[in-house]
């Protein structure tokens, strides 16, 4: 038979593990979003540079 303490310990460990996974996943999503944002910014700057170059050619 499982005691109340063992059940509580297991519940705590399961909850802590799920929160850790959720935190790692949220960090991954945040870094992907930041990378895409910087990528779009680079593309926009490159497009602006090519526009200004084509004006002077």
C-alpha atoms as a PDB file:
ATOM      1  CA  UNK A   1       0.000   0.000   0.000  1.00  0.00           C
ATOM      2  CA  UNK A   2       1.219   3.475  -0.810  1.00  0.00           C
ATOM      3  CA  UNK A   3       1.354   5.925   2.056  1.00  0.00           C
ATOM      4  CA  UNK A   4       0.069   9.468   1.812  1.00  0.00           C
ATOM      5  CA  UNK A   5       3.611  10.849   2.024  1.00  0.00           C
ATOM      6  CA  UNK A   6       4.812   8.681  -0.870  1.00  0.00           C
ATOM      7  CA  UNK A   7       1.844   9.742  -2.959  1.00  0.00           C
ATOM      8  CA  UNK A   8       2.474  13.401  -2.140  1.00  0.00           C
ATOM      9  CA  UNK A   9       6.182  13.031  -2.971  1.00  0.00           C
ATOM     10  CA  UNK A  10       5.353  11.433  -6.306  1.00  0.00           C
ATOM     11  CA  UNK A  11       2.808  14.154  -7.092  1.00  0.00           C
ATOM     12  CA  UNK A  12       5.331  16.844  -6.228  1.00  0.00           C
ATOM     13  CA  UNK A  13       8.017  15.261  -8.412  1.00  0.00           C
ATOM     14  CA  UNK A  14       5.601  14.829 -11.319  1.00  0.00           C
ATOM     15  CA  UNK A  15       4.426  18.423 -11.023  1.00  0.00           C
ATOM     16  CA  UNK A  16       7.992  19.747 -10.749  1.00  0.00           C
ATOM     17  CA  UNK A  17       9.066  17.730 -13.774  1.00  0.00           C
ATOM     18  CA  UNK A  18       6.185  18.977 -15.877  1.00  0.00           C
ATOM     19  CA  UNK A  19       6.913  22.580 -14.875  1.00  0.00           C
ATOM     20  CA  UNK A  20      10.571  22.089 -15.814  1.00  0.00           C
ATOM     21  CA  UNK A  21       9.609  20.744 -19.239  1.00  0.00           C
ATOM     22  CA  UNK A  22       7.161  23.596 -19.719  1.00  0.00           C
ATOM     23  CA  UNK A  23       9.881  26.125 -18.843  1.00  0.00           C
ATOM     24  CA  UNK A  24      12.328  24.546 -21.287  1.00  0.00           C
ATOM     25  CA  UNK A  25       9.692  24.521 -24.036  1.00  0.00           C
ATOM     26  CA  UNK A  26       8.786  28.159 -23.368  1.00  0.00           C
ATOM     27  CA  UNK A  27      12.466  29.093 -23.605  1.00  0.00           C
ATOM     28  CA  UNK A  28      12.696  27.274 -26.924  1.00  0.00           C
ATOM     29  CA  UNK A  29       9.642  29.093 -28.292  1.00  0.00           C
ATOM     30  CA  UNK A  30      11.012  32.436 -27.129  1.00  0.00           C
ATOM     31  CA  UNK A  31      14.389  31.847 -28.763  1.00  0.00           C
ATOM     32  CA  UNK A  32      12.775  30.735 -32.039  1.00  0.00           C
ATOM     33  CA  UNK A  33      10.614  33.852 -32.074  1.00  0.00           C
ATOM     34  CA  UNK A  34      13.612  36.098 -31.365  1.00  0.00           C
ATOM     35  CA  UNK A  35      15.626  34.398 -34.121  1.00  0.00           C
ATOM     36  CA  UNK A  36      12.821  34.883 -36.657  1.00  0.00           C
ATOM     37  CA  UNK A  37      12.429  38.511 -35.611  1.00  0.00           C
ATOM     38  CA  UNK A  38      16.139  39.171 -36.133  1.00  0.00           C
ATOM     39  CA  UNK A  39      16.057  37.299 -39.453  1.00  0.00           C
ATOM     40  CA  UNK A  40      13.191  39.469 -40.728  1.00  0.00           C
ATOM     41  CA  UNK A  41      15.018  42.592 -39.568  1.00  0.00           C
ATOM     42  CA  UNK A  42      18.136  41.505 -41.482  1.00  0.00           C
ATOM     43  CA  UNK A  43      16.077  40.837 -44.610  1.00  0.00           C
ATOM     44  CA  UNK A  44      14.378  44.223 -44.320  1.00  0.00           C
ATOM     45  CA  UNK A  45      17.716  46.018 -43.931  1.00  0.00           C
ATOM     46  CA  UNK A  46      19.153  44.146 -46.913  1.00  0.00           C
ATOM     47  CA  UNK A  47      16.130  45.140 -49.008  1.00  0.00           C
ATOM     48  CA  UNK A  48      16.539  48.789 -47.981  1.00  0.00           C
ATOM     49  CA  UNK A  49      20.237  48.687 -48.858  1.00  0.00           C
ATOM     50  CA  UNK A  50      19.538  47.226 -52.281  1.00  0.00           C
ATOM     51  CA  UNK A  51      16.893  49.912 -52.868  1.00  0.00           C
ATOM     52  CA  UNK A  52      19.292  52.726 -52.036  1.00  0.00           C
ATOM     53  CA  UNK A  53      22.023  51.164 -54.175  1.00  0.00           C
ATOM     54  CA  UNK A  54      19.700  50.837 -57.159  1.00  0.00           C
ATOM     55  CA  UNK A  55      18.824  54.539 -56.908  1.00  0.00           C
ATOM     56  CA  UNK A  56      22.450  55.576 -57.269  1.00  0.00           C
ATOM     57  CA  UNK A  57      23.326  53.196 -60.115  1.00  0.00           C
END
